[in-house]
Amino acid sequence: MEILKVAAASDVNAVARAIMGALSKAQLVEAHAIGAGAVNQAVKAVAIARRSLERSGQEIFVTPGFIEVEVDGKDRTGIRLIIECRQS
């Protein structure tokens, strides 16, 4: 399973393409985001990927959760989006 790290400055279209590319190789992909801006970009990217995959008869399901990561020696809480692709 591939893990994508999303930042507040991430291009949502690039992240959406990365999600679709990862899902073409595996059934699951994770997106990790720390901070409100990063979570916003990750959710928008999932929405864009969903719309594109829906056109080809695929559906994605997202399970949100928390993740603890270390950034610059400090523990931070982030959001983990587990994205799963299924044929509709």
PDB file of N, CA and C in Angstrom:
ATOM      1  N   MET A   1       0.847  -1.170   0.000  1.00  0.00           N
ATOM      2  CA  MET A   1       0.000   0.000   0.000  1.00  0.00           C
ATOM      3  C   MET A   1       0.898   1.240   0.000  1.00  0.00           C
ATOM      4  N   GLU A   2       0.581   2.168  -0.895  1.00  0.00           N
ATOM      5  CA  GLU A   2       1.345   3.396  -1.014  1.00  0.00           C
ATOM      6  C   GLU A   2       0.818   4.437  -0.024  1.00  0.00           C
ATOM      7  N   ILE A   3       1.731   5.233   0.511  1.00  0.00           N
ATOM      8  CA  ILE A   3       1.359   6.314   1.418  1.00  0.00           C
ATOM      9  C   ILE A   3       1.719   7.633   0.755  1.00  0.00           C
ATOM     10  N   LEU A   4       0.713   8.486   0.598  1.00  0.00           N
ATOM     11  CA  LEU A   4       0.915   9.801   0.016  1.00  0.00           C
ATOM     12  C   LEU A   4       0.901  10.841   1.124  1.00  0.00           C
ATOM     13  N   LYS A   5       1.878  11.709   1.132  1.00  0.00           N
ATOM     14  CA  LYS A   5       1.928  12.785   2.119  1.00  0.00           C
ATOM     15  C   LYS A   5       1.428  14.052   1.446  1.00  0.00           C
ATOM     16  N   VAL A   6       0.408  14.650   2.034  1.00  0.00           N
ATOM     17  CA  VAL A   6      -0.229  15.830   1.465  1.00  0.00           C
ATOM     18  C   VAL A   6       0.069  17.035   2.352  1.00  0.00           C
ATOM     19  N   ALA A   7       0.504  18.115   1.720  1.00  0.00           N
ATOM     20  CA  ALA A   7       0.803  19.358   2.435  1.00  0.00           C
ATOM     21  C   ALA A   7      -0.229  20.420   2.056  1.00  0.00           C
ATOM     22  N   ALA A   8      -0.247  21.486   2.819  1.00  0.00           N
ATOM     23  CA  ALA A   8      -1.174  22.572   2.532  1.00  0.00           C
ATOM     24  C   ALA A   8      -0.899  23.198   1.165  1.00  0.00           C
ATOM     25  N   ALA A   9       0.349  23.124   0.716  1.00  0.00           N
ATOM     26  CA  ALA A   9       0.720  23.708  -0.574  1.00  0.00           C
ATOM     27  C   ALA A   9       0.625  22.715  -1.729  1.00  0.00           C
ATOM     28  N   SER A  10       0.158  21.494  -1.458  1.00  0.00           N
ATOM     29  CA  SER A  10       0.066  20.475  -2.508  1.00  0.00           C
ATOM     30  C   SER A  10      -0.953  20.872  -3.563  1.00  0.00           C
ATOM     31  N   ASP A  11      -0.623  20.582  -4.817  1.00  0.00           N
ATOM     32  CA  ASP A  11      -1.548  20.796  -5.934  1.00  0.00           C
ATOM     33  C   ASP A  11      -2.587  19.679  -5.890  1.00  0.00           C
ATOM     34  N   VAL A  12      -3.861  20.036  -5.724  1.00  0.00           N
ATOM     35  CA  VAL A  12      -4.902  19.013  -5.560  1.00  0.00           C
ATOM     36  C   VAL A  12      -5.027  18.121  -6.789  1.00  0.00           C
ATOM     37  N   ASN A  13      -4.821  18.665  -7.972  1.00  0.00           N
ATOM     38  CA  ASN A  13      -4.903  17.845  -9.180  1.00  0.00           C
ATOM     39  C   ASN A  13      -3.765  16.835  -9.235  1.00  0.00           C
ATOM     40  N   ALA A  14      -2.576  17.235  -8.805  1.00  0.00           N
ATOM     41  CA  ALA A  14      -1.445  16.313  -8.769  1.00  0.00           C
ATOM     42  C   ALA A  14      -1.682  15.209  -7.737  1.00  0.00           C
ATOM     43  N   VAL A  15      -2.235  15.574  -6.585  1.00  0.00           N
ATOM     44  CA  VAL A  15      -2.533  14.566  -5.565  1.00  0.00           C
ATOM     45  C   VAL A  15      -3.621  13.617  -6.062  1.00  0.00           C
ATOM     46  N   ALA A  16      -4.634  14.144  -6.740  1.00  0.00           N
ATOM     47  CA  ALA A  16      -5.699  13.303  -7.298  1.00  0.00           C
ATOM     48  C   ALA A  16      -5.115  12.310  -8.304  1.00  0.00           C
ATOM     49  N   ARG A  17      -4.212  12.790  -9.167  1.00  0.00           N
ATOM     50  CA  ARG A  17      -3.564  11.877 -10.129  1.00  0.00           C
ATOM     51  C   ARG A  17      -2.733  10.824  -9.404  1.00  0.00           C
ATOM     52  N   ALA A  18      -2.059  11.221  -8.329  1.00  0.00           N
ATOM     53  CA  ALA A  18      -1.269  10.262  -7.549  1.00  0.00           C
ATOM     54  C   ALA A  18      -2.167   9.210  -6.906  1.00  0.00           C
ATOM     55  N   ILE A  19      -3.315   9.627  -6.411  1.00  0.00           N
ATOM     56  CA  ILE A  19      -4.269   8.682  -5.823  1.00  0.00           C
ATOM     57  C   ILE A  19      -4.739   7.688  -6.881  1.00  0.00           C
ATOM     58  N   MET A  20      -5.123   8.195  -8.054  1.00  0.00           N
ATOM     59  CA  MET A  20      -5.602   7.308  -9.126  1.00  0.00           C
ATOM     60  C   MET A  20      -4.500   6.377  -9.607  1.00  0.00           C
ATOM     61  N   GLY A  21      -3.281   6.879  -9.700  1.00  0.00           N
ATOM     62  CA  GLY A  21      -2.160   6.034 -10.107  1.00  0.00           C
ATOM     63  C   GLY A  21      -1.873   4.936  -9.105  1.00  0.00           C
ATOM     64  N   ALA A  22      -1.905   5.288  -7.827  1.00  0.00           N
ATOM     65  CA  ALA A  22      -1.655   4.293  -6.782  1.00  0.00           C
ATOM     66  C   ALA A  22      -2.770   3.249  -6.754  1.00  0.00           C
ATOM     67  N   LEU A  23      -4.014   3.687  -6.974  1.00  0.00           N
ATOM     68  CA  LEU A  23      -5.141   2.748  -6.961  1.00  0.00           C
ATOM     69  C   LEU A  23      -5.138   1.839  -8.184  1.00  0.00           C
ATOM     70  N   SER A  24      -4.468   2.253  -9.260  1.00  0.00           N
ATOM     71  CA  SER A  24      -4.378   1.377 -10.430  1.00  0.00           C
ATOM     72  C   SER A  24      -3.423   0.215 -10.163  1.00  0.00           C
ATOM     73  N   LYS A  25      -2.537   0.370  -9.174  1.00  0.00           N
ATOM     74  CA  LYS A  25      -1.569  -0.673  -8.822  1.00  0.00           C
ATOM     75  C   LYS A  25      -2.029  -1.525  -7.644  1.00  0.00           C
ATOM     76  N   ALA A  26      -2.813  -0.945  -6.754  1.00  0.00           N
ATOM     77  CA  ALA A  26      -3.245  -1.643  -5.534  1.00  0.00           C
ATOM     78  C   ALA A  26      -4.662  -1.203  -5.185  1.00  0.00           C
ATOM     79  N   GLN A  27      -5.320  -1.967  -4.342  1.00  0.00           N
ATOM     80  CA  GLN A  27      -6.701  -1.660  -3.950  1.00  0.00           C
ATOM     81  C   GLN A  27      -6.785  -0.555  -2.905  1.00  0.00           C
ATOM     82  N   LEU A  28      -5.691  -0.320  -2.195  1.00  0.00           N
ATOM     83  CA  LEU A  28      -5.698   0.660  -1.111  1.00  0.00           C
ATOM     84  C   LEU A  28      -4.557   1.645  -1.266  1.00  0.00           C
ATOM     85  N   VAL A  29      -4.809   2.880  -0.854  1.00  0.00           N
ATOM     86  CA  VAL A  29      -3.773   3.895  -0.752  1.00  0.00           C
ATOM     87  C   VAL A  29      -4.101   4.730   0.484  1.00  0.00           C
ATOM     88  N   GLU A  30      -3.065   5.229   1.146  1.00  0.00           N
ATOM     89  CA  GLU A  30      -3.266   6.090   2.312  1.00  0.00           C
ATOM     90  C   GLU A  30      -2.784   7.486   1.971  1.00  0.00           C
ATOM     91  N   ALA A  31      -3.512   8.480   2.438  1.00  0.00           N
ATOM     92  CA  ALA A  31      -3.087   9.871   2.343  1.00  0.00           C
ATOM     93  C   ALA A  31      -2.930  10.393   3.764  1.00  0.00           C
ATOM     94  N   HIS A  32      -1.760  10.948   4.063  1.00  0.00           N
ATOM     95  CA  HIS A  32      -1.490  11.505   5.386  1.00  0.00           C
ATOM     96  C   HIS A  32      -1.425  13.018   5.275  1.00  0.00           C
ATOM     97  N   ALA A  33      -2.093  13.713   6.186  1.00  0.00           N
ATOM     98  CA  ALA A  33      -2.111  15.172   6.179  1.00  0.00           C
ATOM     99  C   ALA A  33      -2.021  15.684   7.606  1.00  0.00           C
ATOM    100  N   ILE A  34      -1.178  16.689   7.805  1.00  0.00           N
ATOM    101  CA  ILE A  34      -1.033  17.308   9.125  1.00  0.00           C
ATOM    102  C   ILE A  34      -1.401  18.780   8.987  1.00  0.00           C
ATOM    103  N   GLY A  35      -2.396  19.193   9.715  1.00  0.00           N
ATOM    104  CA  GLY A  35      -2.842  20.581   9.683  1.00  0.00           C
ATOM    105  C   GLY A  35      -4.086  20.748   8.828  1.00  0.00           C
ATOM    106  N   ALA A  36      -4.828  21.795   9.145  1.00  0.00           N
ATOM    107  CA  ALA A  36      -6.109  22.028   8.476  1.00  0.00           C
ATOM    108  C   ALA A  36      -5.952  22.235   6.971  1.00  0.00           C
ATOM    109  N   GLY A  37      -4.941  22.992   6.557  1.00  0.00           N
ATOM    110  CA  GLY A  37      -4.729  23.238   5.137  1.00  0.00           C
ATOM    111  C   GLY A  37      -4.413  21.968   4.374  1.00  0.00           C
ATOM    112  N   ALA A  38      -3.603  21.110   4.959  1.00  0.00           N
ATOM    113  CA  ALA A  38      -3.243  19.849   4.316  1.00  0.00           C
ATOM    114  C   ALA A  38      -4.444  18.913   4.236  1.00  0.00           C
ATOM    115  N   VAL A  39      -5.245  18.868   5.292  1.00  0.00           N
ATOM    116  CA  VAL A  39      -6.449  18.028   5.279  1.00  0.00           C
ATOM    117  C   VAL A  39      -7.413  18.528   4.207  1.00  0.00           C
ATOM    118  N   ASN A  40      -7.546  19.836   4.079  1.00  0.00           N
ATOM    119  CA  ASN A  40      -8.404  20.421   3.055  1.00  0.00           C
ATOM    120  C   ASN A  40      -7.947  19.988   1.657  1.00  0.00           C
ATOM    121  N   GLN A  41      -6.663  20.075   1.389  1.00  0.00           N
ATOM    122  CA  GLN A  41      -6.143  19.676   0.077  1.00  0.00           C
ATOM    123  C   GLN A  41      -6.346  18.186  -0.166  1.00  0.00           C
ATOM    124  N   ALA A  42      -6.158  17.369   0.851  1.00  0.00           N
ATOM    125  CA  ALA A  42      -6.327  15.919   0.707  1.00  0.00           C
ATOM    126  C   ALA A  42      -7.776  15.569   0.385  1.00  0.00           C
ATOM    127  N   VAL A  43      -8.710  16.189   1.074  1.00  0.00           N
ATOM    128  CA  VAL A  43     -10.130  15.892   0.841  1.00  0.00           C
ATOM    129  C   VAL A  43     -10.549  16.353  -0.556  1.00  0.00           C
ATOM    130  N   LYS A  44     -10.085  17.520  -0.980  1.00  0.00           N
ATOM    131  CA  LYS A  44     -10.404  17.980  -2.331  1.00  0.00           C
ATOM    132  C   LYS A  44      -9.823  17.025  -3.375  1.00  0.00           C
ATOM    133  N   ALA A  45      -8.616  16.542  -3.151  1.00  0.00           N
ATOM    134  CA  ALA A  45      -7.994  15.603  -4.092  1.00  0.00           C
ATOM    135  C   ALA A  45      -8.782  14.299  -4.169  1.00  0.00           C
ATOM    136  N   VAL A  46      -9.277  13.822  -3.044  1.00  0.00           N
ATOM    137  CA  VAL A  46     -10.096  12.604  -3.041  1.00  0.00           C
ATOM    138  C   VAL A  46     -11.376  12.838  -3.843  1.00  0.00           C
ATOM    139  N   ALA A  47     -11.977  14.000  -3.691  1.00  0.00           N
ATOM    140  CA  ALA A  47     -13.204  14.315  -4.433  1.00  0.00           C
ATOM    141  C   ALA A  47     -12.940  14.343  -5.941  1.00  0.00           C
ATOM    142  N   ILE A  48     -11.828  14.913  -6.352  1.00  0.00           N
ATOM    143  CA  ILE A  48     -11.473  14.961  -7.770  1.00  0.00           C
ATOM    144  C   ILE A  48     -11.204  13.559  -8.301  1.00  0.00           C
ATOM    145  N   ALA A  49     -10.453  12.761  -7.539  1.00  0.00           N
ATOM    146  CA  ALA A  49     -10.161  11.386  -7.954  1.00  0.00           C
ATOM    147  C   ALA A  49     -11.442  10.576  -8.041  1.00  0.00           C
ATOM    148  N   ARG A  50     -12.337  10.774  -7.097  1.00  0.00           N
ATOM    149  CA  ARG A  50     -13.610  10.053  -7.095  1.00  0.00           C
ATOM    150  C   ARG A  50     -14.398  10.349  -8.354  1.00  0.00           C
ATOM    151  N   ARG A  51     -14.486  11.612  -8.704  1.00  0.00           N
ATOM    152  CA  ARG A  51     -15.239  12.016  -9.894  1.00  0.00           C
ATOM    153  C   ARG A  51     -14.645  11.387 -11.153  1.00  0.00           C
ATOM    154  N   SER A  52     -13.331  11.385 -11.251  1.00  0.00           N
ATOM    155  CA  SER A  52     -12.674  10.801 -12.430  1.00  0.00           C
ATOM    156  C   SER A  52     -12.850   9.289 -12.492  1.00  0.00           C
ATOM    157  N   LEU A  53     -12.697   8.614 -11.363  1.00  0.00           N
ATOM    158  CA  LEU A  53     -12.827   7.150 -11.342  1.00  0.00           C
ATOM    159  C   LEU A  53     -14.269   6.719 -11.547  1.00  0.00           C
ATOM    160  N   GLU A  54     -15.209   7.531 -11.108  1.00  0.00           N
ATOM    161  CA  GLU A  54     -16.631   7.212 -11.251  1.00  0.00           C
ATOM    162  C   GLU A  54     -17.012   7.087 -12.732  1.00  0.00           C
ATOM    163  N   ARG A  55     -16.392   7.901 -13.555  1.00  0.00           N
ATOM    164  CA  ARG A  55     -16.661   7.868 -15.002  1.00  0.00           C
ATOM    165  C   ARG A  55     -16.257   6.545 -15.635  1.00  0.00           C
ATOM    166  N   SER A  56     -15.293   5.859 -15.041  1.00  0.00           N
ATOM    167  CA  SER A  56     -14.841   4.575 -15.585  1.00  0.00           C
ATOM    168  C   SER A  56     -15.461   3.385 -14.847  1.00  0.00           C
ATOM    169  N   GLY A  57     -16.502   3.642 -14.074  1.00  0.00           N
ATOM    170  CA  GLY A  57     -17.211   2.560 -13.397  1.00  0.00           C
ATOM    171  C   GLY A  57     -16.584   2.085 -12.102  1.00  0.00           C
ATOM    172  N   GLN A  58     -15.710   2.889 -11.529  1.00  0.00           N
ATOM    173  CA  GLN A  58     -15.087   2.524 -10.260  1.00  0.00           C
ATOM    174  C   GLN A  58     -15.605   3.445  -9.162  1.00  0.00           C
ATOM    175  N   GLU A  59     -15.644   2.912  -7.955  1.00  0.00           N
ATOM    176  CA  GLU A  59     -16.075   3.674  -6.789  1.00  0.00           C
ATOM    177  C   GLU A  59     -14.964   3.675  -5.767  1.00  0.00           C
ATOM    178  N   ILE A  60     -14.799   4.791  -5.069  1.00  0.00           N
ATOM    179  CA  ILE A  60     -13.827   4.799  -3.981  1.00  0.00           C
ATOM    180  C   ILE A  60     -14.542   5.055  -2.666  1.00  0.00           C
ATOM    181  N   PHE A  61     -13.983   4.465  -1.645  1.00  0.00           N
ATOM    182  CA  PHE A  61     -14.492   4.593  -0.283  1.00  0.00           C
ATOM    183  C   PHE A  61     -13.351   5.092   0.582  1.00  0.00           C
ATOM    184  N   VAL A  62     -13.661   6.005   1.481  1.00  0.00           N
ATOM    185  CA  VAL A  62     -12.635   6.624   2.313  1.00  0.00           C
ATOM    186  C   VAL A  62     -12.951   6.373   3.777  1.00  0.00           C
ATOM    187  N   THR A  63     -11.941   5.936   4.500  1.00  0.00           N
ATOM    188  CA  THR A  63     -12.057   5.744   5.944  1.00  0.00           C
ATOM    189  C   THR A  63     -11.075   6.697   6.619  1.00  0.00           C
ATOM    190  N   PRO A  64     -11.572   7.713   7.314  1.00  0.00           N
ATOM    191  CA  PRO A  64     -10.671   8.651   7.986  1.00  0.00           C
ATOM    192  C   PRO A  64     -10.251   8.136   9.359  1.00  0.00           C
ATOM    193  N   GLY A  65      -9.104   8.587   9.793  1.00  0.00           N
ATOM    194  CA  GLY A  65      -8.626   8.236  11.126  1.00  0.00           C
ATOM    195  C   GLY A  65      -7.488   9.162  11.523  1.00  0.00           C
ATOM    196  N   PHE A  66      -6.992   8.968  12.720  1.00  0.00           N
ATOM    197  CA  PHE A  66      -5.881   9.773  13.215  1.00  0.00           C
ATOM    198  C   PHE A  66      -4.584   9.004  13.073  1.00  0.00           C
ATOM    199  N   ILE A  67      -3.500   9.738  12.985  1.00  0.00           N
ATOM    200  CA  ILE A  67      -2.170   9.143  12.923  1.00  0.00           C
ATOM    201  C   ILE A  67      -1.222  10.021  13.737  1.00  0.00           C
ATOM    202  N   GLU A  68      -0.311   9.387  14.431  1.00  0.00           N
ATOM    203  CA  GLU A  68       0.714  10.106  15.186  1.00  0.00           C
ATOM    204  C   GLU A  68       2.015  10.026  14.409  1.00  0.00           C
ATOM    205  N   VAL A  69       2.613  11.185  14.115  1.00  0.00           N
ATOM    206  CA  VAL A  69       3.871  11.231  13.378  1.00  0.00           C
ATOM    207  C   VAL A  69       4.841  12.159  14.087  1.00  0.00           C
ATOM    208  N   GLU A  70       6.118  11.958  13.828  1.00  0.00           N
ATOM    209  CA  GLU A  70       7.134  12.820  14.412  1.00  0.00           C
ATOM    210  C   GLU A  70       7.633  13.775  13.330  1.00  0.00           C
ATOM    211  N   VAL A  71       7.542  15.069  13.608  1.00  0.00           N
ATOM    212  CA  VAL A  71       7.995  16.098  12.675  1.00  0.00           C
ATOM    213  C   VAL A  71       8.959  17.009  13.425  1.00  0.00           C
ATOM    214  N   ASP A  72      10.189  17.090  12.950  1.00  0.00           N
ATOM    215  CA  ASP A  72      11.217  17.920  13.585  1.00  0.00           C
ATOM    216  C   ASP A  72      11.372  17.604  15.076  1.00  0.00           C
ATOM    217  N   GLY A  73      11.309  16.324  15.409  1.00  0.00           N
ATOM    218  CA  GLY A  73      11.495  15.898  16.792  1.00  0.00           C
ATOM    219  C   GLY A  73      10.279  16.062  17.688  1.00  0.00           C
ATOM    220  N   LYS A  74       9.174  16.528  17.127  1.00  0.00           N
ATOM    221  CA  LYS A  74       7.957  16.716  17.916  1.00  0.00           C
ATOM    222  C   LYS A  74       6.873  15.763  17.425  1.00  0.00           C
ATOM    223  N   ASP A  75       6.109  15.233  18.363  1.00  0.00           N
ATOM    224  CA  ASP A  75       4.984  14.379  17.996  1.00  0.00           C
ATOM    225  C   ASP A  75       3.824  15.248  17.539  1.00  0.00           C
ATOM    226  N   ARG A  76       3.242  14.895  16.398  1.00  0.00           N
ATOM    227  CA  ARG A  76       2.121  15.634  15.835  1.00  0.00           C
ATOM    228  C   ARG A  76       0.999  14.652  15.529  1.00  0.00           C
ATOM    229  N   THR A  77      -0.222  15.114  15.641  1.00  0.00           N
ATOM    230  CA  THR A  77      -1.384  14.317  15.267  1.00  0.00           C
ATOM    231  C   THR A  77      -1.839  14.778  13.897  1.00  0.00           C
ATOM    232  N   GLY A  78      -2.047  13.810  13.021  1.00  0.00           N
ATOM    233  CA  GLY A  78      -2.503  14.118  11.673  1.00  0.00           C
ATOM    234  C   GLY A  78      -3.728  13.288  11.329  1.00  0.00           C
ATOM    235  N   ILE A  79      -4.171  13.446  10.125  1.00  0.00           N
ATOM    236  CA  ILE A  79      -5.312  12.696   9.606  1.00  0.00           C
ATOM    237  C   ILE A  79      -4.809  11.687   8.585  1.00  0.00           C
ATOM    238  N   ARG A  80      -5.315  10.478   8.685  1.00  0.00           N
ATOM    239  CA  ARG A  80      -5.009   9.435   7.717  1.00  0.00           C
ATOM    240  C   ARG A  80      -6.299   9.110   6.983  1.00  0.00           C
ATOM    241  N   LEU A  81      -6.257   9.191   5.668  1.00  0.00           N
ATOM    242  CA  LEU A  81      -7.393   8.801   4.842  1.00  0.00           C
ATOM    243  C   LEU A  81      -7.029   7.502   4.129  1.00  0.00           C
ATOM    244  N   ILE A  82      -7.742   6.442   4.456  1.00  0.00           N
ATOM    245  CA  ILE A  82      -7.532   5.168   3.760  1.00  0.00           C
ATOM    246  C   ILE A  82      -8.522   5.144   2.612  1.00  0.00           C
ATOM    247  N   ILE A  83      -7.988   5.074   1.402  1.00  0.00           N
ATOM    248  CA  ILE A  83      -8.797   5.172   0.190  1.00  0.00           C
ATOM    249  C   ILE A  83      -8.792   3.812  -0.486  1.00  0.00           C
ATOM    250  N   GLU A  84      -9.986   3.276  -0.709  1.00  0.00           N
ATOM    251  CA  GLU A  84     -10.145   1.943  -1.295  1.00  0.00           C
ATOM    252  C   GLU A  84     -10.957   2.063  -2.591  1.00  0.00           C
ATOM    253  N   CYS A  85     -10.546   1.333  -3.610  1.00  0.00           N
ATOM    254  CA  CYS A  85     -11.232   1.365  -4.887  1.00  0.00           C
ATOM    255  C   CYS A  85     -11.954   0.031  -5.121  1.00  0.00           C
ATOM    256  N   ARG A  86     -13.195   0.128  -5.569  1.00  0.00           N
ATOM    257  CA  ARG A  86     -13.993  -1.069  -5.892  1.00  0.00           C
ATOM    258  C   ARG A  86     -14.738  -0.822  -7.196  1.00  0.00           C
ATOM    259  N   GLN A  87     -14.988  -1.890  -7.936  1.00  0.00           N
ATOM    260  CA  GLN A  87     -15.808  -1.781  -9.137  1.00  0.00           C
ATOM    261  C   GLN A  87     -17.259  -1.595  -8.707  1.00  0.00           C
ATOM    262  N   SER A  88     -17.962  -0.696  -9.377  1.00  0.00           N
ATOM    263  CA  SER A  88     -19.375  -0.484  -9.000  1.00  0.00           C
ATOM    264  C   SER A  88     -20.300  -1.356  -9.808  1.00  0.00           C
TER     265      SER A  88
END
